Amino acid sequence: MDWKEQATATEERLRRLFLDALAGNAATYQEFLTALSLHLRAFFRKRMSQLPDEVEDLVQESLLAVHNSRHTYKLEQPLTAWVHTIARYKLIDLLRARSRREALNDPLEDDLEVFASSDADAAEARRDLERLIQSLPHRHRRAFVMIKLEGASVAETALATGMSEALVKVGVHRSLKALAVKVKGQP
């Protein structure tokens, strides 16, 4: 059996088990989870050869996500495509978390150049940024500052400014566009 036939057979078996389980068959659901865990383990091992210790955690997290999201499955789409999408998101989450942890453990000696930069340069950059922001129309400036500089969400900004979420988004977009033109030195 070539890989295409094997993939088709796996899809058909998993889909049959899953649909039967959704209909209420608990024994079939257990069989589905067992078969899916084997499938996911192979999926992650292929992609995680450098981090084999993380594979089992990803399998378990993906199984839990499939279970919690089972009501979102659309019958017209292939089951394995839906499962692989969930699995990829779990993999991305893991890689992001690892990169954040690794960044926290970077030695400071590598970044001494950052500490050596002049405070005058920072003050000058801050003045330039404030000048650019002050050039924005007042109605968009507050939304831009809240979202882009303070990290507020669109909903929080809309509530604080009394604008609709759509208007907040438009204002931030127009502000970014105006700032880009000013930075490039165009009139």
C-alpha atoms as a PDB file:
ATOM      1  CA  MET A   1       0.000   0.000   0.000  1.00  0.00           C
ATOM      2  CA  ASP A   2       1.511   3.363  -1.029  1.00  0.00           C
ATOM      3  CA  TRP A   3       1.328   6.494   1.147  1.00  0.00           C
ATOM      4  CA  LYS A   4      -1.744   7.903  -0.660  1.00  0.00           C
ATOM      5  CA  GLU A   5      -3.744   4.732  -0.124  1.00  0.00           C
ATOM      6  CA  GLN A   6      -2.596   4.597   3.490  1.00  0.00           C
ATOM      7  CA  ALA A   7      -3.612   8.237   4.059  1.00  0.00           C
ATOM      8  CA  THR A   8      -7.020   7.585   2.517  1.00  0.00           C
ATOM      9  CA  ALA A   9      -7.517   4.471   4.649  1.00  0.00           C
ATOM     10  CA  THR A  10      -6.522   6.378   7.790  1.00  0.00           C
ATOM     11  CA  GLU A  11      -8.891   9.223   6.924  1.00  0.00           C
ATOM     12  CA  GLU A  12     -11.798   6.853   6.295  1.00  0.00           C
ATOM     13  CA  ARG A  13     -11.181   4.857   9.499  1.00  0.00           C
ATOM     14  CA  LEU A  14     -10.769   7.896  11.747  1.00  0.00           C
ATOM     15  CA  ARG A  15     -13.769   9.635  10.192  1.00  0.00           C
ATOM     16  CA  ARG A  16     -15.992   6.547  10.593  1.00  0.00           C
ATOM     17  CA  LEU A  17     -14.959   6.154  14.232  1.00  0.00           C
ATOM     18  CA  PHE A  18     -15.385   9.851  14.966  1.00  0.00           C
ATOM     19  CA  LEU A  19     -18.846  10.105  13.412  1.00  0.00           C
ATOM     20  CA  ASP A  20     -19.960   6.966  15.254  1.00  0.00           C
ATOM     21  CA  ALA A  21     -18.582   8.441  18.490  1.00  0.00           C
ATOM     22  CA  LEU A  22     -20.403  11.727  17.872  1.00  0.00           C
ATOM     23  CA  ALA A  23     -23.583   9.696  17.575  1.00  0.00           C
ATOM     24  CA  GLY A  24     -23.055   8.577  21.179  1.00  0.00           C
ATOM     25  CA  ASN A  25     -21.059   5.345  21.001  1.00  0.00           C
ATOM     26  CA  ALA A  26     -18.625   5.619  23.949  1.00  0.00           C
ATOM     27  CA  ALA A  27     -16.675   2.474  23.044  1.00  0.00           C
ATOM     28  CA  THR A  28     -16.081   3.786  19.527  1.00  0.00           C
ATOM     29  CA  TYR A  29     -14.973   7.119  20.959  1.00  0.00           C
ATOM     30  CA  GLN A  30     -12.319   5.333  23.022  1.00  0.00           C
ATOM     31  CA  GLU A  31     -11.196   3.471  19.895  1.00  0.00           C
ATOM     32  CA  PHE A  32     -11.124   6.769  17.970  1.00  0.00           C
ATOM     33  CA  LEU A  33      -8.960   8.457  20.621  1.00  0.00           C
ATOM     34  CA  THR A  34      -6.532   5.537  20.638  1.00  0.00           C
ATOM     35  CA  ALA A  35      -6.240   5.532  16.839  1.00  0.00           C
ATOM     36  CA  LEU A  36      -5.977   9.316  16.732  1.00  0.00           C
ATOM     37  CA  SER A  37      -3.235   9.354  19.356  1.00  0.00           C
ATOM     38  CA  LEU A  38      -1.160   6.991  17.180  1.00  0.00           C
ATOM     39  CA  HIS A  39      -1.780   9.215  14.163  1.00  0.00           C
ATOM     40  CA  LEU A  40      -0.865  12.388  16.072  1.00  0.00           C
ATOM     41  CA  ARG A  41       2.238  10.798  17.581  1.00  0.00           C
ATOM     42  CA  ALA A  42       3.518  10.047  14.072  1.00  0.00           C
ATOM     43  CA  PHE A  43       2.522  13.546  12.926  1.00  0.00           C
ATOM     44  CA  PHE A  44       4.494  15.221  15.731  1.00  0.00           C
ATOM     45  CA  ARG A  45       7.511  12.881  15.640  1.00  0.00           C
ATOM     46  CA  LYS A  46       7.996  13.766  11.984  1.00  0.00           C
ATOM     47  CA  ARG A  47       7.995  17.481  12.825  1.00  0.00           C
ATOM     48  CA  MET A  48       9.691  17.386  16.233  1.00  0.00           C
ATOM     49  CA  SER A  49      12.780  15.266  15.672  1.00  0.00           C
ATOM     50  CA  GLN A  50      14.848  17.848  17.581  1.00  0.00           C
ATOM     51  CA  LEU A  51      12.459  17.836  20.574  1.00  0.00           C
ATOM     52  CA  PRO A  52      11.306  14.226  21.020  1.00  0.00           C
ATOM     53  CA  ASP A  53      10.443  14.771  24.714  1.00  0.00           C
ATOM     54  CA  GLU A  54       7.696  17.217  23.737  1.00  0.00           C
ATOM     55  CA  VAL A  55       5.833  14.822  21.436  1.00  0.00           C
ATOM     56  CA  GLU A  56       3.708  13.116  24.080  1.00  0.00           C
ATOM     57  CA  ASP A  57       2.659  16.426  25.639  1.00  0.00           C
ATOM     58  CA  LEU A  58       1.611  17.700  22.212  1.00  0.00           C
ATOM     59  CA  VAL A  59      -0.360  14.512  21.535  1.00  0.00           C
ATOM     60  CA  GLN A  60      -2.249  14.891  24.826  1.00  0.00           C
ATOM     61  CA  GLU A  61      -2.913  18.598  24.315  1.00  0.00           C
ATOM     62  CA  SER A  62      -4.144  17.937  20.779  1.00  0.00           C
ATOM     63  CA  LEU A  63      -6.444  15.117  21.914  1.00  0.00           C
ATOM     64  CA  LEU A  64      -7.921  17.410  24.543  1.00  0.00           C
ATOM     65  CA  ALA A  65      -8.375  20.195  21.979  1.00  0.00           C
ATOM     66  CA  VAL A  66     -10.061  17.782  19.537  1.00  0.00           C
ATOM     67  CA  HIS A  67     -12.379  16.643  22.315  1.00  0.00           C
ATOM     68  CA  ASN A  68     -13.228  20.204  23.354  1.00  0.00           C
ATOM     69  CA  SER A  69     -13.720  21.337  19.739  1.00  0.00           C
ATOM     70  CA  ARG A  70     -15.556  18.289  18.406  1.00  0.00           C
ATOM     71  CA  HIS A  71     -18.752  20.327  17.985  1.00  0.00           C
ATOM     72  CA  THR A  72     -16.942  22.580  15.455  1.00  0.00           C
ATOM     73  CA  TYR A  73     -16.141  19.782  13.009  1.00  0.00           C
ATOM     74  CA  LYS A  74     -17.902  20.252   9.673  1.00  0.00           C
ATOM     75  CA  LEU A  75     -18.984  16.990   8.048  1.00  0.00           C
ATOM     76  CA  GLU A  76     -18.008  18.123   4.541  1.00  0.00           C
ATOM     77  CA  GLN A  77     -14.330  18.583   5.422  1.00  0.00           C
ATOM     78  CA  PRO A  78     -11.742  15.817   5.850  1.00  0.00           C
ATOM     79  CA  LEU A  79     -11.320  14.876   9.493  1.00  0.00           C
ATOM     80  CA  THR A  80      -7.532  14.604   9.316  1.00  0.00           C
ATOM     81  CA  ALA A  81      -7.255  18.117   7.868  1.00  0.00           C
ATOM     82  CA  TRP A  82      -9.295  19.437  10.802  1.00  0.00           C
ATOM     83  CA  VAL A  83      -7.187  17.469  13.298  1.00  0.00           C
ATOM     84  CA  HIS A  84      -3.921  18.560  11.668  1.00  0.00           C
ATOM     85  CA  THR A  85      -4.989  22.201  11.922  1.00  0.00           C
ATOM     86  CA  ILE A  86      -5.571  21.791  15.648  1.00  0.00           C
ATOM     87  CA  ALA A  87      -2.259  19.933  16.008  1.00  0.00           C
ATOM     88  CA  ARG A  88      -0.344  22.645  14.135  1.00  0.00           C
ATOM     89  CA  TYR A  89      -1.754  25.318  16.439  1.00  0.00           C
ATOM     90  CA  LYS A  90      -0.636  23.280  19.457  1.00  0.00           C
ATOM     91  CA  LEU A  91       2.831  22.938  17.920  1.00  0.00           C
ATOM     92  CA  ILE A  92       3.012  26.685  17.252  1.00  0.00           C
ATOM     93  CA  ASP A  93       1.942  27.396  20.843  1.00  0.00           C
ATOM     94  CA  LEU A  94       4.715  25.145  22.137  1.00  0.00           C
ATOM     95  CA  LEU A  95       7.371  26.721  19.918  1.00  0.00           C
ATOM     96  CA  ARG A  96       6.318  30.228  20.934  1.00  0.00           C
ATOM     97  CA  ALA A  97       6.434  29.323  24.608  1.00  0.00           C
ATOM     98  CA  ARG A  98       9.878  27.747  24.192  1.00  0.00           C
ATOM     99  CA  SER A  99      11.250  30.793  22.367  1.00  0.00           C
ATOM    100  CA  ARG A 100       9.920  33.083  25.127  1.00  0.00           C
ATOM    101  CA  ARG A 101      11.559  30.912  27.807  1.00  0.00           C
ATOM    102  CA  GLU A 102      14.827  30.801  25.875  1.00  0.00           C
ATOM    103  CA  ALA A 103      14.803  34.570  25.446  1.00  0.00           C
ATOM    104  CA  LEU A 104      14.458  34.973  29.205  1.00  0.00           C
ATOM    105  CA  ASN A 105      17.547  32.819  29.703  1.00  0.00           C
ATOM    106  CA  ASP A 106      19.803  34.691  27.283  1.00  0.00           C
ATOM    107  CA  PRO A 107      22.934  35.914  29.045  1.00  0.00           C
ATOM    108  CA  LEU A 108      23.237  39.672  29.442  1.00  0.00           C
ATOM    109  CA  GLU A 109      26.819  39.747  28.153  1.00  0.00           C
ATOM    110  CA  ASP A 110      25.484  39.250  24.633  1.00  0.00           C
ATOM    111  CA  ASP A 111      23.418  42.412  24.908  1.00  0.00           C
ATOM    112  CA  LEU A 112      25.959  44.813  26.383  1.00  0.00           C
ATOM    113  CA  GLU A 113      25.763  46.982  23.270  1.00  0.00           C
ATOM    114  CA  VAL A 114      22.152  47.760  24.115  1.00  0.00           C
ATOM    115  CA  PHE A 115      23.180  49.049  27.527  1.00  0.00           C
ATOM    116  CA  ALA A 116      26.020  51.058  26.039  1.00  0.00           C
ATOM    117  CA  SER A 117      23.739  53.163  23.817  1.00  0.00           C
ATOM    118  CA  SER A 118      23.437  56.819  24.665  1.00  0.00           C
ATOM    119  CA  ASP A 119      20.567  58.126  26.750  1.00  0.00           C
ATOM    120  CA  ALA A 120      20.623  61.185  24.498  1.00  0.00           C
ATOM    121  CA  ASP A 121      19.766  58.967  21.502  1.00  0.00           C
ATOM    122  CA  ALA A 122      16.805  57.535  23.371  1.00  0.00           C
ATOM    123  CA  ALA A 123      15.594  60.969  24.449  1.00  0.00           C
ATOM    124  CA  GLU A 124      15.919  62.256  20.900  1.00  0.00           C
ATOM    125  CA  ALA A 125      13.982  59.284  19.525  1.00  0.00           C
ATOM    126  CA  ARG A 126      11.293  59.788  22.171  1.00  0.00           C
ATOM    127  CA  ARG A 127      10.962  63.487  21.203  1.00  0.00           C
ATOM    128  CA  ASP A 128      10.707  62.567  17.517  1.00  0.00           C
ATOM    129  CA  LEU A 129       8.035  59.981  18.250  1.00  0.00           C
ATOM    130  CA  GLU A 130       6.049  62.409  20.396  1.00  0.00           C
ATOM    131  CA  ARG A 131       6.270  65.039  17.650  1.00  0.00           C
ATOM    132  CA  LEU A 132       5.021  62.545  15.061  1.00  0.00           C
ATOM    133  CA  ILE A 133       2.158  61.411  17.286  1.00  0.00           C
ATOM    134  CA  GLN A 134       1.151  65.015  18.007  1.00  0.00           C
ATOM    135  CA  SER A 135       0.852  65.577  14.270  1.00  0.00           C
ATOM    136  CA  LEU A 136      -1.972  63.011  14.076  1.00  0.00           C
ATOM    137  CA  PRO A 137      -5.567  64.239  14.018  1.00  0.00           C
ATOM    138  CA  HIS A 138      -6.884  64.449  17.584  1.00  0.00           C
ATOM    139  CA  ARG A 139      -9.799  62.085  16.913  1.00  0.00           C
ATOM    140  CA  HIS A 140      -7.377  59.241  15.986  1.00  0.00           C
ATOM    141  CA  ARG A 141      -4.418  60.063  18.232  1.00  0.00           C
ATOM    142  CA  ARG A 142      -5.817  58.634  21.483  1.00  0.00           C
ATOM    143  CA  ALA A 143      -6.884  55.374  19.825  1.00  0.00           C
ATOM    144  CA  PHE A 144      -3.473  55.038  18.186  1.00  0.00           C
ATOM    145  CA  VAL A 145      -1.618  55.609  21.467  1.00  0.00           C
ATOM    146  CA  MET A 146      -3.846  53.227  23.420  1.00  0.00           C
ATOM    147  CA  ILE A 147      -3.570  50.379  20.922  1.00  0.00           C
ATOM    148  CA  LYS A 148      -0.067  50.719  19.487  1.00  0.00           C
ATOM    149  CA  LEU A 149       1.843  52.119  22.453  1.00  0.00           C
ATOM    150  CA  GLU A 150      -0.090  51.015  25.526  1.00  0.00           C
ATOM    151  CA  GLY A 151      -1.215  47.625  24.213  1.00  0.00           C
ATOM    152  CA  ALA A 152      -4.942  48.084  24.785  1.00  0.00           C
ATOM    153  CA  SER A 153      -7.419  46.021  22.803  1.00  0.00           C
ATOM    154  CA  VAL A 154      -9.760  47.508  20.207  1.00  0.00           C
ATOM    155  CA  ALA A 155     -12.728  46.881  22.527  1.00  0.00           C
ATOM    156  CA  GLU A 156     -11.021  48.603  25.478  1.00  0.00           C
ATOM    157  CA  THR A 157     -10.070  51.550  23.307  1.00  0.00           C
ATOM    158  CA  ALA A 158     -13.582  51.879  21.902  1.00  0.00           C
ATOM    159  CA  LEU A 159     -15.004  51.896  25.410  1.00  0.00           C
ATOM    160  CA  ALA A 160     -12.472  54.472  26.664  1.00  0.00           C
ATOM    161  CA  THR A 161     -12.842  56.823  23.692  1.00  0.00           C
ATOM    162  CA  GLY A 162     -16.565  56.440  23.065  1.00  0.00           C
ATOM    163  CA  MET A 163     -15.920  55.434  19.455  1.00  0.00           C
ATOM    164  CA  SER A 164     -17.173  52.279  17.764  1.00  0.00           C
ATOM    165  CA  GLU A 165     -14.697  49.416  17.336  1.00  0.00           C
ATOM    166  CA  ALA A 166     -14.821  49.903  13.559  1.00  0.00           C
ATOM    167  CA  LEU A 167     -13.997  53.585  13.911  1.00  0.00           C
ATOM    168  CA  VAL A 168     -11.107  52.755  16.261  1.00  0.00           C
ATOM    169  CA  LYS A 169      -9.663  50.324  13.698  1.00  0.00           C
ATOM    170  CA  VAL A 170     -10.048  52.853  10.879  1.00  0.00           C
ATOM    171  CA  GLY A 171      -8.423  55.563  12.981  1.00  0.00           C
ATOM    172  CA  VAL A 172      -5.427  53.411  13.883  1.00  0.00           C
ATOM    173  CA  HIS A 173      -5.010  52.356  10.251  1.00  0.00           C
ATOM    174  CA  ARG A 174      -5.138  55.948   9.027  1.00  0.00           C
ATOM    175  CA  SER A 175      -2.707  57.003  11.768  1.00  0.00           C
ATOM    176  CA  LEU A 176      -0.207  54.339  10.728  1.00  0.00           C
ATOM    177  CA  LYS A 177      -0.543  55.396   7.113  1.00  0.00           C
ATOM    178  CA  ALA A 178      -0.025  59.071   7.983  1.00  0.00           C
ATOM    179  CA  LEU A 179       2.990  58.286  10.168  1.00  0.00           C
ATOM    180  CA  ALA A 180       4.551  56.189   7.401  1.00  0.00           C
ATOM    181  CA  VAL A 181       4.207  59.098   4.973  1.00  0.00           C
ATOM    182  CA  LYS A 182       5.782  61.525   7.461  1.00  0.00           C
ATOM    183  CA  VAL A 183       8.672  59.196   8.282  1.00  0.00           C
ATOM    184  CA  LYS A 184       9.439  58.736   4.595  1.00  0.00           C
ATOM    185  CA  GLY A 185       9.540  62.512   4.292  1.00  0.00           C
ATOM    186  CA  GLN A 186       6.680  62.841   1.851  1.00  0.00           C
ATOM    187  CA  PRO A 187       4.325  65.854   2.136  1.00  0.00           C
END
